Amino acid sequence: EARAVGHAPKVILSDHAPAHFDVALDAAITATGEVRARGGDQPAATIVLYTDLGPKTAVVRDDGTFSCSDLAPGGARVRIAAPGYATLEKAVTLTATSSGRPVDLGRFDVVAEAIVEGRVLDARGAPVQGARVAKDRAPVFVASGVATSRVAITDSKGRFHIGELAEGTATLEAYAPDV
């Protein structure tokens, strides 16, 4: 793996690496964009670009714009999270421009979050404490001390609260060992 400021990172995989080889790094790509909420509000959002070479984080400036530098060309996934708004994820392609100018990812419109609250009960109708509840798939394992806004843990009465969801139909899954 080779990285240098101002250059796109590169990973070379080989079963038989020679004793010496050269690595040519391309110029880095800078991606820019804008985040807005309905009604023109400016949310305090954090942007993460997930690339093949790892995540890169950017923060939205007061004017709603963001930039993220030292990126390699290729596919990426943009995740935008802001308190009180639905998390937005979108696939993008990062392509170097001939002029070296930043790649404009465009405008991302976030919407107010939807919140789901409920209870998890076992087959007898008793509350399940400590169940993990999440949109789509509940994780079987969550590392101790790792907080995540995407997974709710039920309380002693089986209650849960999940926010940052987009409006519309959602599938929730609950998981609890031995239940």
N, C-alpha and C. Protein backbone atom coordinates (compact mmCIF):
# COMPACT_ATOMS: atom_id res chain seq x y z
N GLU A 1 0.86 -1.17 0.00
CA GLU A 1 0.00 0.00 0.00
C GLU A 1 0.89 1.22 0.00
N ALA A 2 0.58 2.16 -0.90
CA ALA A 2 1.36 3.39 -0.98
C ALA A 2 0.41 4.58 -0.87
N ARG A 3 0.80 5.54 -0.04
CA ARG A 3 0.02 6.77 0.14
C ARG A 3 0.97 7.94 0.23
N ALA A 4 0.56 9.06 -0.35
CA ALA A 4 1.32 10.30 -0.25
C ALA A 4 0.34 11.45 -0.41
N VAL A 5 0.50 12.49 0.38
CA VAL A 5 -0.40 13.64 0.30
C VAL A 5 -0.38 14.20 -1.12
N GLY A 6 -1.57 14.47 -1.63
CA GLY A 6 -1.69 15.02 -2.98
C GLY A 6 -1.72 13.96 -4.06
N HIS A 7 -1.60 12.69 -3.69
CA HIS A 7 -1.62 11.60 -4.65
C HIS A 7 -2.69 10.58 -4.26
N ALA A 8 -3.21 9.90 -5.26
CA ALA A 8 -4.21 8.87 -5.01
C ALA A 8 -3.54 7.66 -4.39
N PRO A 9 -4.09 7.12 -3.32
CA PRO A 9 -3.50 5.93 -2.72
C PRO A 9 -3.60 4.75 -3.69
N LYS A 10 -2.71 3.78 -3.52
CA LYS A 10 -2.70 2.62 -4.41
C LYS A 10 -2.32 1.38 -3.59
N VAL A 11 -2.98 0.29 -3.91
CA VAL A 11 -2.66 -1.00 -3.30
C VAL A 11 -2.31 -1.96 -4.42
N ILE A 12 -1.21 -2.66 -4.25
CA ILE A 12 -0.77 -3.66 -5.24
C ILE A 12 -0.72 -5.00 -4.54
N LEU A 13 -1.43 -5.97 -5.10
CA LEU A 13 -1.44 -7.32 -4.55
C LEU A 13 -0.65 -8.23 -5.48
N SER A 14 0.20 -9.06 -4.89
CA SER A 14 1.00 -9.97 -5.70
C SER A 14 1.36 -11.20 -4.87
N ASP A 15 1.29 -12.37 -5.51
CA ASP A 15 1.70 -13.60 -4.83
C ASP A 15 3.22 -13.70 -4.74
N HIS A 16 3.91 -13.13 -5.73
CA HIS A 16 5.37 -13.21 -5.78
C HIS A 16 5.94 -11.82 -6.02
N ALA A 17 6.12 -11.08 -4.96
CA ALA A 17 6.63 -9.72 -5.09
C ALA A 17 8.13 -9.77 -5.33
N PRO A 18 8.60 -9.01 -6.32
CA PRO A 18 10.04 -8.96 -6.55
C PRO A 18 10.74 -8.21 -5.41
N ALA A 19 12.04 -8.33 -5.33
CA ALA A 19 12.81 -7.66 -4.28
C ALA A 19 12.70 -6.15 -4.40
N HIS A 20 12.50 -5.65 -5.62
CA HIS A 20 12.38 -4.22 -5.86
C HIS A 20 11.36 -3.98 -6.96
N PHE A 21 10.51 -2.99 -6.75
CA PHE A 21 9.60 -2.57 -7.81
C PHE A 21 9.21 -1.12 -7.58
N ASP A 22 8.79 -0.48 -8.66
CA ASP A 22 8.39 0.93 -8.59
C ASP A 22 6.87 1.02 -8.53
N VAL A 23 6.40 2.01 -7.80
CA VAL A 23 4.97 2.29 -7.70
C VAL A 23 4.75 3.72 -8.17
N ALA A 24 3.94 3.89 -9.20
CA ALA A 24 3.62 5.22 -9.70
C ALA A 24 2.26 5.63 -9.14
N LEU A 25 2.23 6.74 -8.44
CA LEU A 25 0.98 7.25 -7.87
C LEU A 25 0.39 8.32 -8.76
N ASP A 26 -0.89 8.18 -9.04
CA ASP A 26 -1.60 9.19 -9.82
C ASP A 26 -1.95 10.38 -8.92
N ALA A 27 -2.29 11.48 -9.55
CA ALA A 27 -2.74 12.65 -8.78
C ALA A 27 -4.03 12.29 -8.04
N ALA A 28 -4.17 12.80 -6.85
CA ALA A 28 -5.35 12.52 -6.04
C ALA A 28 -6.57 13.24 -6.61
N ILE A 29 -7.71 12.67 -6.33
CA ILE A 29 -8.98 13.28 -6.71
C ILE A 29 -9.56 13.95 -5.46
N THR A 30 -10.10 15.14 -5.66
CA THR A 30 -10.86 15.81 -4.61
C THR A 30 -12.31 15.81 -5.04
N ALA A 31 -13.19 15.36 -4.15
CA ALA A 31 -14.62 15.35 -4.44
C ALA A 31 -15.28 16.46 -3.64
N THR A 32 -16.20 17.15 -4.27
CA THR A 32 -16.95 18.22 -3.61
C THR A 32 -18.44 17.97 -3.77
N GLY A 33 -19.23 18.62 -2.96
CA GLY A 33 -20.67 18.50 -3.06
C GLY A 33 -21.35 19.46 -2.13
N GLU A 34 -22.66 19.32 -2.04
CA GLU A 34 -23.47 20.20 -1.21
C GLU A 34 -24.55 19.38 -0.53
N VAL A 35 -24.85 19.72 0.73
CA VAL A 35 -25.91 19.05 1.49
C VAL A 35 -26.94 20.10 1.89
N ARG A 36 -28.20 19.81 1.61
CA ARG A 36 -29.29 20.71 1.97
C ARG A 36 -30.45 19.88 2.52
N ALA A 37 -31.26 20.52 3.34
CA ALA A 37 -32.49 19.90 3.84
C ALA A 37 -33.67 20.58 3.17
N ARG A 38 -34.80 19.91 3.19
CA ARG A 38 -36.02 20.52 2.65
C ARG A 38 -36.26 21.84 3.34
N GLY A 39 -36.69 22.83 2.60
CA GLY A 39 -36.92 24.16 3.16
C GLY A 39 -35.67 25.01 3.20
N GLY A 40 -34.53 24.46 2.70
CA GLY A 40 -33.30 25.24 2.63
C GLY A 40 -32.47 25.24 3.89
N ASP A 41 -32.92 24.54 4.93
CA ASP A 41 -32.13 24.48 6.17
C ASP A 41 -30.78 23.82 5.90
N GLN A 42 -29.83 24.18 6.73
CA GLN A 42 -28.48 23.62 6.60
C GLN A 42 -28.19 22.70 7.78
N PRO A 43 -28.25 21.38 7.60
CA PRO A 43 -27.97 20.49 8.72
C PRO A 43 -26.48 20.37 9.01
N ALA A 44 -26.15 20.13 10.26
CA ALA A 44 -24.77 19.88 10.67
C ALA A 44 -24.47 18.42 10.37
N ALA A 45 -24.05 18.14 9.15
CA ALA A 45 -23.89 16.77 8.69
C ALA A 45 -22.43 16.33 8.64
N THR A 46 -22.25 15.04 8.74
CA THR A 46 -20.95 14.42 8.53
C THR A 46 -21.06 13.51 7.32
N ILE A 47 -20.08 13.60 6.44
CA ILE A 47 -20.06 12.80 5.22
C ILE A 47 -18.92 11.81 5.32
N VAL A 48 -19.20 10.55 4.98
CA VAL A 48 -18.16 9.54 4.90
C VAL A 48 -18.20 8.96 3.49
N LEU A 49 -17.06 8.99 2.81
CA LEU A 49 -16.93 8.33 1.51
C LEU A 49 -16.22 7.01 1.75
N TYR A 50 -16.92 5.92 1.48
CA TYR A 50 -16.34 4.59 1.63
C TYR A 50 -15.79 4.16 0.28
N THR A 51 -14.47 3.97 0.23
CA THR A 51 -13.81 3.56 -1.00
C THR A 51 -13.15 2.20 -0.78
N ASP A 52 -12.61 1.63 -1.84
CA ASP A 52 -11.91 0.35 -1.74
C ASP A 52 -10.70 0.45 -0.82
N LEU A 53 -10.19 1.66 -0.63
CA LEU A 53 -8.99 1.85 0.19
C LEU A 53 -9.30 2.41 1.57
N GLY A 54 -10.57 2.34 1.97
CA GLY A 54 -10.95 2.78 3.31
C GLY A 54 -11.84 4.01 3.29
N PRO A 55 -12.37 4.36 4.46
CA PRO A 55 -13.28 5.52 4.55
C PRO A 55 -12.53 6.84 4.66
N LYS A 56 -13.12 7.88 4.11
CA LYS A 56 -12.62 9.26 4.24
C LYS A 56 -13.79 10.10 4.74
N THR A 57 -13.53 10.95 5.72
CA THR A 57 -14.58 11.75 6.35
C THR A 57 -14.46 13.22 5.97
N ALA A 58 -15.61 13.85 5.80
CA ALA A 58 -15.67 15.29 5.53
C ALA A 58 -16.79 15.87 6.38
N VAL A 59 -16.69 17.13 6.71
CA VAL A 59 -17.72 17.83 7.47
C VAL A 59 -18.30 18.93 6.60
N VAL A 60 -19.61 19.10 6.69
CA VAL A 60 -20.28 20.13 5.91
C VAL A 60 -19.96 21.49 6.51
N ARG A 61 -19.54 22.42 5.65
CA ARG A 61 -19.25 23.78 6.08
C ARG A 61 -20.55 24.54 6.31
N ASP A 62 -20.45 25.74 6.87
CA ASP A 62 -21.63 26.56 7.16
C ASP A 62 -22.47 26.87 5.92
N ASP A 63 -21.84 26.91 4.75
CA ASP A 63 -22.59 27.21 3.52
C ASP A 63 -23.19 25.97 2.87
N GLY A 64 -23.03 24.79 3.51
CA GLY A 64 -23.62 23.56 2.99
C GLY A 64 -22.71 22.75 2.08
N THR A 65 -21.53 23.26 1.78
CA THR A 65 -20.62 22.54 0.89
C THR A 65 -19.66 21.66 1.69
N PHE A 66 -19.09 20.69 1.00
CA PHE A 66 -18.07 19.84 1.60
C PHE A 66 -17.05 19.46 0.54
N SER A 67 -15.88 19.06 0.99
CA SER A 67 -14.87 18.53 0.06
C SER A 67 -14.09 17.44 0.80
N CYS A 68 -13.63 16.50 0.02
CA CYS A 68 -12.87 15.37 0.55
C CYS A 68 -11.74 15.11 -0.43
N SER A 69 -10.49 15.13 0.06
CA SER A 69 -9.35 15.03 -0.84
C SER A 69 -8.59 13.72 -0.66
N ASP A 70 -7.55 13.57 -1.48
CA ASP A 70 -6.66 12.39 -1.48
C ASP A 70 -7.43 11.10 -1.76
N LEU A 71 -8.32 11.15 -2.76
CA LEU A 71 -9.11 9.99 -3.15
C LEU A 71 -8.55 9.35 -4.42
N ALA A 72 -8.74 8.06 -4.55
CA ALA A 72 -8.35 7.33 -5.75
C ALA A 72 -9.57 7.18 -6.65
N PRO A 73 -9.35 7.06 -7.97
CA PRO A 73 -10.48 6.85 -8.87
C PRO A 73 -11.17 5.52 -8.58
N GLY A 74 -12.45 5.45 -8.91
CA GLY A 74 -13.21 4.21 -8.74
C GLY A 74 -14.54 4.46 -8.07
N GLY A 75 -15.19 3.37 -7.74
CA GLY A 75 -16.49 3.45 -7.09
C GLY A 75 -16.36 3.81 -5.62
N ALA A 76 -17.39 4.46 -5.11
CA ALA A 76 -17.42 4.83 -3.69
C ALA A 76 -18.88 4.89 -3.26
N ARG A 77 -19.08 4.85 -1.95
CA ARG A 77 -20.41 5.00 -1.38
C ARG A 77 -20.35 6.19 -0.45
N VAL A 78 -21.29 7.12 -0.63
CA VAL A 78 -21.37 8.31 0.21
C VAL A 78 -22.44 8.07 1.27
N ARG A 79 -22.09 8.33 2.52
CA ARG A 79 -23.05 8.23 3.63
C ARG A 79 -23.10 9.58 4.32
N ILE A 80 -24.31 10.15 4.40
CA ILE A 80 -24.50 11.45 5.02
C ILE A 80 -25.39 11.27 6.24
N ALA A 81 -24.87 11.68 7.40
CA ALA A 81 -25.63 11.56 8.65
C ALA A 81 -25.69 12.93 9.32
N ALA A 82 -26.89 13.28 9.77
CA ALA A 82 -27.10 14.54 10.47
C ALA A 82 -28.17 14.32 11.52
N PRO A 83 -27.96 14.81 12.73
CA PRO A 83 -28.97 14.64 13.78
C PRO A 83 -30.32 15.21 13.34
N GLY A 84 -31.38 14.40 13.52
CA GLY A 84 -32.72 14.85 13.17
C GLY A 84 -33.10 14.60 11.72
N TYR A 85 -32.19 14.02 10.93
CA TYR A 85 -32.44 13.76 9.52
C TYR A 85 -32.20 12.29 9.20
N ALA A 86 -32.88 11.81 8.17
CA ALA A 86 -32.68 10.43 7.73
C ALA A 86 -31.28 10.29 7.15
N THR A 87 -30.62 9.19 7.48
CA THR A 87 -29.30 8.92 6.92
C THR A 87 -29.47 8.66 5.42
N LEU A 88 -28.59 9.25 4.63
CA LEU A 88 -28.66 9.12 3.18
C LEU A 88 -27.42 8.41 2.69
N GLU A 89 -27.60 7.39 1.85
CA GLU A 89 -26.48 6.68 1.25
C GLU A 89 -26.68 6.65 -0.25
N LYS A 90 -25.58 6.83 -0.97
CA LYS A 90 -25.66 6.86 -2.44
C LYS A 90 -24.33 6.38 -3.02
N ALA A 91 -24.41 5.58 -4.08
CA ALA A 91 -23.20 5.13 -4.78
C ALA A 91 -22.77 6.22 -5.76
N VAL A 92 -21.47 6.47 -5.83
CA VAL A 92 -20.91 7.46 -6.76
C VAL A 92 -19.68 6.86 -7.44
N THR A 93 -19.28 7.47 -8.54
CA THR A 93 -18.06 7.08 -9.22
C THR A 93 -17.11 8.26 -9.22
N LEU A 94 -15.89 8.03 -8.77
CA LEU A 94 -14.87 9.07 -8.74
C LEU A 94 -13.99 8.92 -9.96
N THR A 95 -14.03 9.90 -10.83
CA THR A 95 -13.26 9.88 -12.07
C THR A 95 -12.39 11.13 -12.12
N ALA A 96 -11.11 10.94 -12.38
CA ALA A 96 -10.20 12.08 -12.47
C ALA A 96 -10.59 12.96 -13.65
N THR A 97 -10.49 14.27 -13.47
CA THR A 97 -10.75 15.20 -14.56
C THR A 97 -9.43 15.54 -15.24
N SER A 98 -9.47 15.83 -16.51
CA SER A 98 -8.23 16.15 -17.25
C SER A 98 -7.59 17.43 -16.73
N SER A 99 -8.40 18.34 -16.18
CA SER A 99 -7.88 19.61 -15.68
C SER A 99 -7.39 19.51 -14.23
N GLY A 100 -7.67 18.38 -13.57
CA GLY A 100 -7.29 18.24 -12.18
C GLY A 100 -8.25 18.95 -11.22
N ARG A 101 -9.34 19.47 -11.76
CA ARG A 101 -10.33 20.15 -10.93
C ARG A 101 -11.08 19.13 -10.08
N PRO A 102 -11.66 19.57 -8.96
CA PRO A 102 -12.43 18.65 -8.11
C PRO A 102 -13.61 18.03 -8.86
N VAL A 103 -13.96 16.82 -8.47
CA VAL A 103 -15.12 16.12 -9.01
C VAL A 103 -16.34 16.59 -8.23
N ASP A 104 -17.34 17.11 -8.92
CA ASP A 104 -18.55 17.61 -8.27
C ASP A 104 -19.55 16.46 -8.13
N LEU A 105 -19.82 16.06 -6.90
CA LEU A 105 -20.78 14.98 -6.65
C LEU A 105 -22.21 15.49 -6.65
N GLY A 106 -22.39 16.80 -6.73
CA GLY A 106 -23.72 17.38 -6.80
C GLY A 106 -24.31 17.68 -5.45
N ARG A 107 -25.62 17.86 -5.47
CA ARG A 107 -26.35 18.24 -4.26
C ARG A 107 -27.04 17.00 -3.67
N PHE A 108 -26.95 16.88 -2.36
CA PHE A 108 -27.61 15.80 -1.64
C PHE A 108 -28.68 16.44 -0.76
N ASP A 109 -29.93 16.04 -0.98
CA ASP A 109 -31.04 16.57 -0.20
C ASP A 109 -31.42 15.57 0.89
N VAL A 110 -31.29 16.00 2.15
CA VAL A 110 -31.67 15.15 3.27
C VAL A 110 -33.07 15.53 3.74
N VAL A 111 -33.78 14.55 4.27
CA VAL A 111 -35.15 14.77 4.75
C VAL A 111 -35.22 14.49 6.24
N ALA A 112 -36.21 15.08 6.89
CA ALA A 112 -36.39 14.87 8.33
C ALA A 112 -36.52 13.38 8.61
N GLU A 113 -35.97 12.98 9.75
CA GLU A 113 -35.97 11.56 10.09
C GLU A 113 -37.36 11.05 10.44
N ALA A 114 -37.56 9.77 10.17
CA ALA A 114 -38.72 9.05 10.67
C ALA A 114 -38.24 8.26 11.88
N ILE A 115 -39.09 8.10 12.86
CA ILE A 115 -38.74 7.39 14.08
C ILE A 115 -39.70 6.23 14.27
N VAL A 116 -39.14 5.08 14.62
CA VAL A 116 -39.95 3.91 14.91
C VAL A 116 -39.71 3.52 16.37
N GLU A 117 -40.79 3.33 17.08
CA GLU A 117 -40.73 2.86 18.47
C GLU A 117 -41.62 1.65 18.59
N GLY A 118 -41.23 0.72 19.43
CA GLY A 118 -42.05 -0.47 19.60
C GLY A 118 -41.54 -1.34 20.73
N ARG A 119 -42.05 -2.56 20.78
CA ARG A 119 -41.64 -3.53 21.79
C ARG A 119 -41.30 -4.84 21.11
N VAL A 120 -40.35 -5.55 21.69
CA VAL A 120 -40.01 -6.90 21.23
C VAL A 120 -40.52 -7.86 22.30
N LEU A 121 -41.34 -8.81 21.85
CA LEU A 121 -41.93 -9.80 22.76
C LEU A 121 -41.54 -11.19 22.30
N ASP A 122 -41.45 -12.13 23.25
CA ASP A 122 -41.16 -13.51 22.87
C ASP A 122 -42.47 -14.21 22.48
N ALA A 123 -42.41 -15.50 22.19
CA ALA A 123 -43.57 -16.26 21.73
C ALA A 123 -44.69 -16.29 22.78
N ARG A 124 -44.37 -16.12 24.05
CA ARG A 124 -45.37 -16.11 25.12
C ARG A 124 -45.92 -14.71 25.37
N GLY A 125 -45.38 -13.70 24.69
CA GLY A 125 -45.84 -12.33 24.88
C GLY A 125 -45.08 -11.58 25.96
N ALA A 126 -44.00 -12.18 26.47
CA ALA A 126 -43.18 -11.52 27.50
C ALA A 126 -42.15 -10.62 26.82
N PRO A 127 -41.83 -9.46 27.43
CA PRO A 127 -40.83 -8.55 26.85
C PRO A 127 -39.45 -9.20 26.79
N VAL A 128 -38.72 -8.88 25.73
CA VAL A 128 -37.36 -9.40 25.56
C VAL A 128 -36.38 -8.25 25.82
N GLN A 129 -35.63 -8.36 26.89
CA GLN A 129 -34.64 -7.35 27.23
C GLN A 129 -33.33 -7.65 26.49
N GLY A 130 -32.67 -6.62 25.99
CA GLY A 130 -31.35 -6.78 25.35
C GLY A 130 -31.39 -7.25 23.91
N ALA A 131 -32.56 -7.29 23.29
CA ALA A 131 -32.65 -7.66 21.88
C ALA A 131 -32.09 -6.52 21.03
N ARG A 132 -31.46 -6.87 19.95
CA ARG A 132 -30.95 -5.87 19.00
C ARG A 132 -31.99 -5.70 17.90
N VAL A 133 -32.35 -4.46 17.61
CA VAL A 133 -33.35 -4.15 16.59
C VAL A 133 -32.71 -3.20 15.59
N ALA A 134 -32.86 -3.50 14.30
CA ALA A 134 -32.27 -2.65 13.26
C ALA A 134 -33.10 -2.72 11.99
N LYS A 135 -32.90 -1.75 11.15
CA LYS A 135 -33.53 -1.74 9.83
C LYS A 135 -32.86 -2.82 8.98
N ASP A 136 -33.66 -3.59 8.31
CA ASP A 136 -33.23 -4.68 7.42
C ASP A 136 -32.68 -5.87 8.21
N ARG A 137 -31.47 -5.78 8.75
CA ARG A 137 -30.88 -6.91 9.46
C ARG A 137 -30.28 -6.48 10.79
N ALA A 138 -30.67 -7.19 11.83
CA ALA A 138 -30.12 -6.92 13.16
C ALA A 138 -28.81 -7.70 13.29
N PRO A 139 -27.76 -7.08 13.80
CA PRO A 139 -26.48 -7.79 13.92
C PRO A 139 -26.54 -8.86 15.00
N VAL A 140 -25.88 -9.97 14.74
CA VAL A 140 -25.79 -11.04 15.71
C VAL A 140 -24.80 -10.65 16.80
N PHE A 141 -23.81 -9.85 16.42
CA PHE A 141 -22.76 -9.45 17.35
C PHE A 141 -22.56 -7.94 17.27
N VAL A 142 -22.46 -7.28 18.42
CA VAL A 142 -22.11 -5.86 18.50
C VAL A 142 -20.98 -5.76 19.50
N ALA A 143 -19.86 -5.18 19.10
CA ALA A 143 -18.70 -5.06 19.99
C ALA A 143 -19.06 -4.24 21.21
N SER A 144 -18.60 -4.67 22.35
CA SER A 144 -18.87 -3.97 23.61
C SER A 144 -18.30 -2.56 23.57
N GLY A 145 -19.10 -1.60 23.99
CA GLY A 145 -18.66 -0.21 24.05
C GLY A 145 -18.76 0.53 22.73
N VAL A 146 -19.23 -0.14 21.67
CA VAL A 146 -19.35 0.50 20.36
C VAL A 146 -20.78 0.99 20.21
N ALA A 147 -20.95 2.29 20.17
CA ALA A 147 -22.29 2.86 20.00
C ALA A 147 -22.61 2.98 18.53
N THR A 148 -23.82 2.64 18.18
CA THR A 148 -24.25 2.81 16.80
C THR A 148 -25.68 3.32 16.78
N SER A 149 -25.95 4.30 15.96
CA SER A 149 -27.30 4.86 15.87
C SER A 149 -28.21 3.97 15.03
N ARG A 150 -27.64 2.96 14.39
CA ARG A 150 -28.41 2.12 13.49
C ARG A 150 -28.97 0.88 14.18
N VAL A 151 -28.58 0.65 15.42
CA VAL A 151 -29.05 -0.52 16.17
C VAL A 151 -29.59 -0.06 17.51
N ALA A 152 -30.82 -0.49 17.82
CA ALA A 152 -31.41 -0.20 19.12
C ALA A 152 -31.34 -1.45 19.97
N ILE A 153 -31.14 -1.28 21.27
CA ILE A 153 -31.13 -2.38 22.23
C ILE A 153 -32.37 -2.21 23.12
N THR A 154 -33.16 -3.25 23.23
CA THR A 154 -34.40 -3.14 24.01
C THR A 154 -34.11 -3.03 25.50
N ASP A 155 -35.00 -2.30 26.19
CA ASP A 155 -34.87 -2.13 27.64
C ASP A 155 -35.56 -3.30 28.37
N SER A 156 -35.72 -3.20 29.67
CA SER A 156 -36.29 -4.29 30.47
C SER A 156 -37.75 -4.58 30.11
N LYS A 157 -38.41 -3.63 29.46
CA LYS A 157 -39.80 -3.84 29.04
C LYS A 157 -39.90 -4.18 27.56
N GLY A 158 -38.74 -4.44 26.93
CA GLY A 158 -38.73 -4.81 25.51
C GLY A 158 -38.88 -3.64 24.56
N ARG A 159 -38.82 -2.40 25.08
CA ARG A 159 -39.03 -1.21 24.25
C ARG A 159 -37.76 -0.83 23.49
N PHE A 160 -37.97 -0.28 22.29
CA PHE A 160 -36.86 0.21 21.48
C PHE A 160 -37.27 1.50 20.77
N HIS A 161 -36.27 2.24 20.30
CA HIS A 161 -36.45 3.51 19.59
C HIS A 161 -35.36 3.58 18.52
N ILE A 162 -35.76 3.71 17.26
CA ILE A 162 -34.79 3.85 16.16
C ILE A 162 -35.14 5.11 15.39
N GLY A 163 -34.15 5.98 15.19
CA GLY A 163 -34.34 7.20 14.42
C GLY A 163 -33.47 7.20 13.17
N GLU A 164 -33.39 8.36 12.54
CA GLU A 164 -32.59 8.57 11.33
C GLU A 164 -33.02 7.67 10.17
N LEU A 165 -34.32 7.30 10.14
CA LEU A 165 -34.85 6.49 9.05
C LEU A 165 -35.54 7.39 8.03
N ALA A 166 -35.53 6.96 6.77
CA ALA A 166 -36.26 7.67 5.73
C ALA A 166 -37.73 7.30 5.84
N GLU A 167 -38.61 8.23 5.45
CA GLU A 167 -40.03 7.93 5.50
C GLU A 167 -40.35 6.83 4.49
N GLY A 168 -41.43 6.11 4.74
CA GLY A 168 -41.84 5.03 3.85
C GLY A 168 -41.81 3.69 4.56
N THR A 169 -41.91 2.64 3.79
CA THR A 169 -41.92 1.29 4.33
C THR A 169 -40.51 0.87 4.72
N ALA A 170 -40.39 0.26 5.90
CA ALA A 170 -39.10 -0.24 6.37
C ALA A 170 -39.30 -1.62 6.98
N THR A 171 -38.33 -2.47 6.79
CA THR A 171 -38.33 -3.79 7.41
C THR A 171 -37.41 -3.74 8.62
N LEU A 172 -37.93 -4.14 9.77
CA LEU A 172 -37.12 -4.18 10.99
C LEU A 172 -36.89 -5.63 11.36
N GLU A 173 -35.72 -5.91 11.90
CA GLU A 173 -35.42 -7.25 12.39
C GLU A 173 -34.94 -7.13 13.83
N ALA A 174 -35.38 -8.06 14.66
CA ALA A 174 -34.93 -8.12 16.05
C ALA A 174 -34.18 -9.44 16.25
N TYR A 175 -33.11 -9.37 17.04
CA TYR A 175 -32.33 -10.57 17.34
C TYR A 175 -31.99 -10.59 18.82
N ALA A 176 -32.20 -11.73 19.42
CA ALA A 176 -31.79 -11.96 20.80
C ALA A 176 -31.37 -13.42 20.91
N PRO A 177 -30.21 -13.69 21.46
CA PRO A 177 -29.76 -15.08 21.60
C PRO A 177 -30.80 -15.89 22.38
N ASP A 178 -31.01 -17.11 21.96
CA ASP A 178 -31.89 -18.06 22.64
C ASP A 178 -33.36 -17.66 22.66
N VAL A 179 -33.74 -16.68 21.84
CA VAL A 179 -35.16 -16.29 21.76
C VAL A 179 -35.62 -16.42 20.32
